[in-house]
Amino acid sequence: MTDAEAITGSVGGDDRIRLFCGLQPSDETVACLAAWQAEHLPPGAGRIVPPEHLHVTLAFLGHRPAAEAAAIAAELRAAAGAAGPVDLRPLRYRETRSVGMVVFRDVDGAATALAEDVQARLERLGVYRREARRWLPHVTVVRFRTPAGLRLAVANTCSIDDVRAALYRSLLGPSTEGNTGARYEVLETAALGGR
């Protein structure tokens, strides 16, 4: 039994859980990004995303019936198995209204191809609708109510090239100091290219 199937069994099939598919960076990359956060994000800039929550989102599904988790995980595994190696290099720091992120350059397009494959499979499954904007490989590093207006250099050592595809469950909670307001559980992982 996979973790996604276990979730389906532990909550009612009609219960809704918040899901997204992403890339789970290696421990080395997470440590590099966490060190960059500690060095560059000033106290009070916002709620720092904890190391265990750093990821690259491939597709955000939102609240879905728990009974769909196993089928979503199966499609993610299939897309991961068909994917080539990923090589993402830090490009710049960027802020939106609510988050600060490190944006990555997809060196050979493999991460973009994987994101598009995952999104197409989930769309065919009827659990996802693609966004109009193009997929942007990034890691959210800080969350805030008002943009901090930071202009930060990014560490060129924090490349992402050793990853697993993962199905995450997002559990929402209160946003407090030291708490991002959401906690992520990995329900399923899959190696890229069948490795």
C-alpha atoms as a PDB file:
ATOM      1  CA  MET A   1       0.000   0.000   0.000  1.00  0.00           C
ATOM      2  CA  THR A   2       1.383   3.415  -0.951  1.00  0.00           C
ATOM      3  CA  ASP A   3       1.244   6.417   1.366  1.00  0.00           C
ATOM      4  CA  ALA A   4      -1.328   8.021  -0.942  1.00  0.00           C
ATOM      5  CA  GLU A   5      -3.522   4.924  -0.616  1.00  0.00           C
ATOM      6  CA  ALA A   6      -3.019   4.974   3.157  1.00  0.00           C
ATOM      7  CA  ILE A   7      -4.268   8.582   3.260  1.00  0.00           C
ATOM      8  CA  THR A   8      -7.341   7.539   1.326  1.00  0.00           C
ATOM      9  CA  GLY A   9      -7.956   4.828   3.917  1.00  0.00           C
ATOM     10  CA  SER A  10      -7.305   7.063   6.919  1.00  0.00           C
ATOM     11  CA  VAL A  11      -9.823   9.740   5.936  1.00  0.00           C
ATOM     12  CA  GLY A  12     -13.194   9.329   4.291  1.00  0.00           C
ATOM     13  CA  GLY A  13     -13.050   9.017   0.510  1.00  0.00           C
ATOM     14  CA  ASP A  14     -15.310  12.055   0.200  1.00  0.00           C
ATOM     15  CA  ASP A  15     -13.206  14.126   2.639  1.00  0.00           C
ATOM     16  CA  ARG A  16     -11.222  16.798   0.863  1.00  0.00           C
ATOM     17  CA  ILE A  17      -7.480  17.182   1.271  1.00  0.00           C
ATOM     18  CA  ARG A  18      -5.245  19.926  -0.119  1.00  0.00           C
ATOM     19  CA  LEU A  19      -2.748  18.469  -2.621  1.00  0.00           C
ATOM     20  CA  PHE A  20       0.088  19.535  -4.879  1.00  0.00           C
ATOM     21  CA  CYS A  21       2.810  17.822  -6.915  1.00  0.00           C
ATOM     22  CA  GLY A  22       6.364  19.055  -6.672  1.00  0.00           C
ATOM     23  CA  LEU A  23      10.064  18.359  -6.863  1.00  0.00           C
ATOM     24  CA  GLN A  24      11.696  17.410  -3.574  1.00  0.00           C
ATOM     25  CA  PRO A  25      15.308  18.690  -3.588  1.00  0.00           C
ATOM     26  CA  SER A  26      18.172  16.730  -2.087  1.00  0.00           C
ATOM     27  CA  ASP A  27      19.221  17.295   1.523  1.00  0.00           C
ATOM     28  CA  GLU A  28      22.328  19.124   0.249  1.00  0.00           C
ATOM     29  CA  THR A  29      20.274  21.590  -1.797  1.00  0.00           C
ATOM     30  CA  VAL A  30      17.864  22.161   1.093  1.00  0.00           C
ATOM     31  CA  ALA A  31      20.818  22.857   3.422  1.00  0.00           C
ATOM     32  CA  CYS A  32      22.256  25.319   0.889  1.00  0.00           C
ATOM     33  CA  LEU A  33      18.924  27.164   0.524  1.00  0.00           C
ATOM     34  CA  ALA A  34      18.426  27.241   4.306  1.00  0.00           C
ATOM     35  CA  ALA A  35      21.903  28.743   4.752  1.00  0.00           C
ATOM     36  CA  TRP A  36      21.081  31.346   2.087  1.00  0.00           C
ATOM     37  CA  GLN A  37      17.829  32.212   3.913  1.00  0.00           C
ATOM     38  CA  ALA A  38      19.684  32.659   7.216  1.00  0.00           C
ATOM     39  CA  GLU A  39      22.304  34.908   5.612  1.00  0.00           C
ATOM     40  CA  HIS A  40      20.102  37.046   3.339  1.00  0.00           C
ATOM     41  CA  LEU A  41      16.615  37.327   4.844  1.00  0.00           C
ATOM     42  CA  PRO A  42      16.628  39.960   7.604  1.00  0.00           C
ATOM     43  CA  PRO A  43      14.647  39.436  10.819  1.00  0.00           C
ATOM     44  CA  GLY A  44      11.114  40.726  10.399  1.00  0.00           C
ATOM     45  CA  ALA A  45      11.158  40.354   6.597  1.00  0.00           C
ATOM     46  CA  GLY A  46       8.383  37.774   6.856  1.00  0.00           C
ATOM     47  CA  ARG A  47       7.785  34.146   7.794  1.00  0.00           C
ATOM     48  CA  ILE A  48      10.777  32.105   6.664  1.00  0.00           C
ATOM     49  CA  VAL A  49       9.792  28.824   4.983  1.00  0.00           C
ATOM     50  CA  PRO A  50      11.325  25.997   7.066  1.00  0.00           C
ATOM     51  CA  PRO A  51      13.875  23.718   5.348  1.00  0.00           C
ATOM     52  CA  GLU A  52      11.531  20.704   5.389  1.00  0.00           C
ATOM     53  CA  HIS A  53       8.981  22.671   3.321  1.00  0.00           C
ATOM     54  CA  LEU A  54      11.321  23.882   0.542  1.00  0.00           C
ATOM     55  CA  HIS A  55      10.229  22.454  -2.810  1.00  0.00           C
ATOM     56  CA  VAL A  56       9.528  23.294  -6.465  1.00  0.00           C
ATOM     57  CA  THR A  57       5.790  23.092  -7.247  1.00  0.00           C
ATOM     58  CA  LEU A  58       4.886  21.251 -10.461  1.00  0.00           C
ATOM     59  CA  ALA A  59       1.088  21.498 -10.139  1.00  0.00           C
ATOM     60  CA  PHE A  60      -1.134  22.819  -7.342  1.00  0.00           C
ATOM     61  CA  LEU A  61      -4.411  20.915  -7.197  1.00  0.00           C
ATOM     62  CA  GLY A  62      -6.055  22.546  -4.176  1.00  0.00           C
ATOM     63  CA  HIS A  63      -8.706  20.656  -2.211  1.00  0.00           C
ATOM     64  CA  ARG A  64      -9.513  17.289  -3.784  1.00  0.00           C
ATOM     65  CA  PRO A  65     -11.461  14.256  -2.551  1.00  0.00           C
ATOM     66  CA  ALA A  66      -9.085  11.977  -0.632  1.00  0.00           C
ATOM     67  CA  ALA A  67     -10.194   9.073  -2.822  1.00  0.00           C
ATOM     68  CA  GLU A  68      -8.368  10.684  -5.778  1.00  0.00           C
ATOM     69  CA  ALA A  69      -4.935  10.661  -4.092  1.00  0.00           C
ATOM     70  CA  ALA A  70      -3.891   7.187  -5.281  1.00  0.00           C
ATOM     71  CA  ALA A  71      -4.729   7.948  -8.945  1.00  0.00           C
ATOM     72  CA  ILE A  72      -2.916  11.302  -8.736  1.00  0.00           C
ATOM     73  CA  ALA A  73       0.139   9.558  -7.257  1.00  0.00           C
ATOM     74  CA  ALA A  74       0.067   6.973 -10.056  1.00  0.00           C
ATOM     75  CA  GLU A  75       0.095   9.709 -12.721  1.00  0.00           C
ATOM     76  CA  LEU A  76       2.952  11.482 -10.942  1.00  0.00           C
ATOM     77  CA  ARG A  77       4.954   8.228 -10.826  1.00  0.00           C
ATOM     78  CA  ALA A  78       4.349   7.664 -14.551  1.00  0.00           C
ATOM     79  CA  ALA A  79       5.473  11.202 -15.447  1.00  0.00           C
ATOM     80  CA  ALA A  80       8.543  10.910 -13.195  1.00  0.00           C
ATOM     81  CA  GLY A  81       9.467   7.570 -14.767  1.00  0.00           C
ATOM     82  CA  ALA A  82       9.419   9.145 -18.235  1.00  0.00           C
ATOM     83  CA  ALA A  83      11.405  12.235 -17.164  1.00  0.00           C
ATOM     84  CA  GLY A  84      15.057  12.957 -17.789  1.00  0.00           C
ATOM     85  CA  PRO A  85      17.530  14.388 -15.277  1.00  0.00           C
ATOM     86  CA  VAL A  86      16.672  17.869 -14.002  1.00  0.00           C
ATOM     87  CA  ASP A  87      19.218  20.715 -13.887  1.00  0.00           C
ATOM     88  CA  LEU A  88      17.894  23.904 -12.271  1.00  0.00           C
ATOM     89  CA  ARG A  89      20.299  26.781 -11.575  1.00  0.00           C
ATOM     90  CA  PRO A  90      19.510  29.801  -9.358  1.00  0.00           C
ATOM     91  CA  LEU A  91      18.715  32.872 -11.462  1.00  0.00           C
ATOM     92  CA  ARG A  92      17.305  35.620  -9.225  1.00  0.00           C
ATOM     93  CA  TYR A  93      15.289  36.519  -6.141  1.00  0.00           C
ATOM     94  CA  ARG A  94      11.749  37.730  -6.870  1.00  0.00           C
ATOM     95  CA  GLU A  95       8.823  38.934  -4.772  1.00  0.00           C
ATOM     96  CA  THR A  96       5.090  38.775  -5.401  1.00  0.00           C
ATOM     97  CA  ARG A  97       2.398  40.256  -3.143  1.00  0.00           C
ATOM     98  CA  SER A  98       2.691  37.414  -0.653  1.00  0.00           C
ATOM     99  CA  VAL A  99       5.964  35.499  -1.157  1.00  0.00           C
ATOM    100  CA  GLY A 100       9.658  35.865  -1.841  1.00  0.00           C
ATOM    101  CA  MET A 101      11.173  33.185  -4.057  1.00  0.00           C
ATOM    102  CA  VAL A 102      14.381  32.016  -5.656  1.00  0.00           C
ATOM    103  CA  VAL A 103      13.693  31.622  -9.391  1.00  0.00           C
ATOM    104  CA  PHE A 104      15.663  28.951 -11.253  1.00  0.00           C
ATOM    105  CA  ARG A 105      16.811  28.570 -14.860  1.00  0.00           C
ATOM    106  CA  ASP A 106      15.813  25.234 -16.377  1.00  0.00           C
ATOM    107  CA  VAL A 107      19.095  24.495 -18.155  1.00  0.00           C
ATOM    108  CA  ASP A 108      17.941  21.892 -20.676  1.00  0.00           C
ATOM    109  CA  GLY A 109      14.162  22.143 -20.280  1.00  0.00           C
ATOM    110  CA  ALA A 110      13.742  18.778 -18.514  1.00  0.00           C
ATOM    111  CA  ALA A 111      11.991  20.268 -15.465  1.00  0.00           C
ATOM    112  CA  THR A 112       9.581  22.214 -17.681  1.00  0.00           C
ATOM    113  CA  ALA A 113       8.873  19.069 -19.724  1.00  0.00           C
ATOM    114  CA  LEU A 114       8.153  17.168 -16.499  1.00  0.00           C
ATOM    115  CA  ALA A 115       5.853  19.929 -15.201  1.00  0.00           C
ATOM    116  CA  GLU A 116       3.951  19.977 -18.496  1.00  0.00           C
ATOM    117  CA  ASP A 117       3.648  16.174 -18.529  1.00  0.00           C
ATOM    118  CA  VAL A 118       2.380  16.088 -14.916  1.00  0.00           C
ATOM    119  CA  GLN A 119      -0.116  18.880 -15.635  1.00  0.00           C
ATOM    120  CA  ALA A 120      -1.379  17.200 -18.838  1.00  0.00           C
ATOM    121  CA  ARG A 121      -1.819  13.847 -17.075  1.00  0.00           C
ATOM    122  CA  LEU A 122      -3.701  15.428 -14.179  1.00  0.00           C
ATOM    123  CA  GLU A 123      -5.856  17.403 -16.593  1.00  0.00           C
ATOM    124  CA  ARG A 124      -6.796  14.186 -18.428  1.00  0.00           C
ATOM    125  CA  LEU A 125      -7.585  12.642 -15.046  1.00  0.00           C
ATOM    126  CA  GLY A 126     -10.004  15.528 -14.446  1.00  0.00           C
ATOM    127  CA  VAL A 127      -8.363  16.762 -11.225  1.00  0.00           C
ATOM    128  CA  TYR A 128      -6.468  19.807 -12.512  1.00  0.00           C
ATOM    129  CA  ARG A 129      -6.848  22.763 -14.846  1.00  0.00           C
ATOM    130  CA  ARG A 130      -3.718  24.435 -16.169  1.00  0.00           C
ATOM    131  CA  GLU A 131      -3.003  28.049 -15.376  1.00  0.00           C
ATOM    132  CA  ALA A 132      -2.809  30.545 -18.230  1.00  0.00           C
ATOM    133  CA  ARG A 133       0.649  31.698 -17.165  1.00  0.00           C
ATOM    134  CA  ARG A 134       3.722  29.698 -18.027  1.00  0.00           C
ATOM    135  CA  TRP A 135       5.221  27.418 -15.353  1.00  0.00           C
ATOM    136  CA  LEU A 136       8.041  29.100 -13.433  1.00  0.00           C
ATOM    137  CA  PRO A 137      10.574  26.908 -11.615  1.00  0.00           C
ATOM    138  CA  HIS A 138      11.038  28.468  -8.176  1.00  0.00           C
ATOM    139  CA  VAL A 139      11.358  27.766  -4.462  1.00  0.00           C
ATOM    140  CA  THR A 140       9.348  29.933  -2.079  1.00  0.00           C
ATOM    141  CA  VAL A 141      11.711  30.989   0.718  1.00  0.00           C
ATOM    142  CA  VAL A 142       9.658  33.570   2.661  1.00  0.00           C
ATOM    143  CA  ARG A 143       5.975  34.511   3.049  1.00  0.00           C
ATOM    144  CA  PHE A 144       4.642  37.914   4.037  1.00  0.00           C
ATOM    145  CA  ARG A 145       1.516  40.079   4.155  1.00  0.00           C
ATOM    146  CA  THR A 146       3.283  43.005   2.483  1.00  0.00           C
ATOM    147  CA  PRO A 147       6.244  42.588   0.097  1.00  0.00           C
ATOM    148  CA  ALA A 148       9.524  43.282   1.845  1.00  0.00           C
ATOM    149  CA  GLY A 149      11.041  45.017  -1.202  1.00  0.00           C
ATOM    150  CA  LEU A 150      14.283  43.085  -0.862  1.00  0.00           C
ATOM    151  CA  ARG A 151      16.905  43.051  -3.623  1.00  0.00           C
ATOM    152  CA  LEU A 152      18.959  39.934  -2.960  1.00  0.00           C
ATOM    153  CA  ALA A 153      21.728  38.072  -4.758  1.00  0.00           C
ATOM    154  CA  VAL A 154      21.224  34.319  -4.997  1.00  0.00           C
ATOM    155  CA  ALA A 155      23.814  31.667  -4.248  1.00  0.00           C
ATOM    156  CA  ASN A 156      24.938  29.995  -7.454  1.00  0.00           C
ATOM    157  CA  THR A 157      25.837  26.911  -5.403  1.00  0.00           C
ATOM    158  CA  CYS A 158      22.187  26.069  -4.646  1.00  0.00           C
ATOM    159  CA  SER A 159      21.486  24.230  -7.899  1.00  0.00           C
ATOM    160  CA  ILE A 160      18.751  21.615  -7.998  1.00  0.00           C
ATOM    161  CA  ASP A 161      19.820  18.509  -9.878  1.00  0.00           C
ATOM    162  CA  ASP A 162      19.148  15.656  -7.472  1.00  0.00           C
ATOM    163  CA  VAL A 163      15.400  15.493  -6.949  1.00  0.00           C
ATOM    164  CA  ARG A 164      12.454  13.183  -6.548  1.00  0.00           C
ATOM    165  CA  ALA A 165       8.934  13.949  -7.707  1.00  0.00           C
ATOM    166  CA  ALA A 166       6.563  14.079  -4.751  1.00  0.00           C
ATOM    167  CA  LEU A 167       2.854  14.276  -3.997  1.00  0.00           C
ATOM    168  CA  TYR A 168       2.355  16.604  -1.032  1.00  0.00           C
ATOM    169  CA  ARG A 169      -0.562  17.128   1.299  1.00  0.00           C
ATOM    170  CA  SER A 170      -0.816  20.702   2.601  1.00  0.00           C
ATOM    171  CA  LEU A 171      -2.288  21.148   6.062  1.00  0.00           C
ATOM    172  CA  LEU A 172      -3.280  24.730   6.784  1.00  0.00           C
ATOM    173  CA  GLY A 173      -2.792  26.264  10.204  1.00  0.00           C
ATOM    174  CA  PRO A 174      -2.497  29.697  11.806  1.00  0.00           C
ATOM    175  CA  SER A 175       0.288  31.978  10.596  1.00  0.00           C
ATOM    176  CA  THR A 176       2.399  32.942  13.575  1.00  0.00           C
ATOM    177  CA  GLU A 177       5.990  34.013  14.143  1.00  0.00           C
ATOM    178  CA  GLY A 178       8.174  31.095  13.113  1.00  0.00           C
ATOM    179  CA  ASN A 179       5.215  29.292  11.500  1.00  0.00           C
ATOM    180  CA  THR A 180       4.446  29.542   7.781  1.00  0.00           C
ATOM    181  CA  GLY A 181       0.775  28.753   8.367  1.00  0.00           C
ATOM    182  CA  ALA A 182       0.968  25.512   6.379  1.00  0.00           C
ATOM    183  CA  ARG A 183       2.615  22.167   6.981  1.00  0.00           C
ATOM    184  CA  TYR A 184       3.456  19.777   4.159  1.00  0.00           C
ATOM    185  CA  GLU A 185       3.335  15.983   4.324  1.00  0.00           C
ATOM    186  CA  VAL A 186       4.947  13.917   1.577  1.00  0.00           C
ATOM    187  CA  LEU A 187       2.438  11.226   0.588  1.00  0.00           C
ATOM    188  CA  GLU A 188       4.420   9.638  -2.244  1.00  0.00           C
ATOM    189  CA  THR A 189       7.791  10.065  -3.965  1.00  0.00           C
ATOM    190  CA  ALA A 190       9.058   8.813  -7.287  1.00  0.00           C
ATOM    191  CA  ALA A 191      12.535   8.805  -8.793  1.00  0.00           C
ATOM    192  CA  LEU A 192      13.017  10.518 -12.137  1.00  0.00           C
ATOM    193  CA  GLY A 193      13.794   8.334 -15.121  1.00  0.00           C
ATOM    194  CA  GLY A 194      13.025   5.165 -13.187  1.00  0.00           C
ATOM    195  CA  ARG A 195      16.240   5.546 -11.133  1.00  0.00           C
END
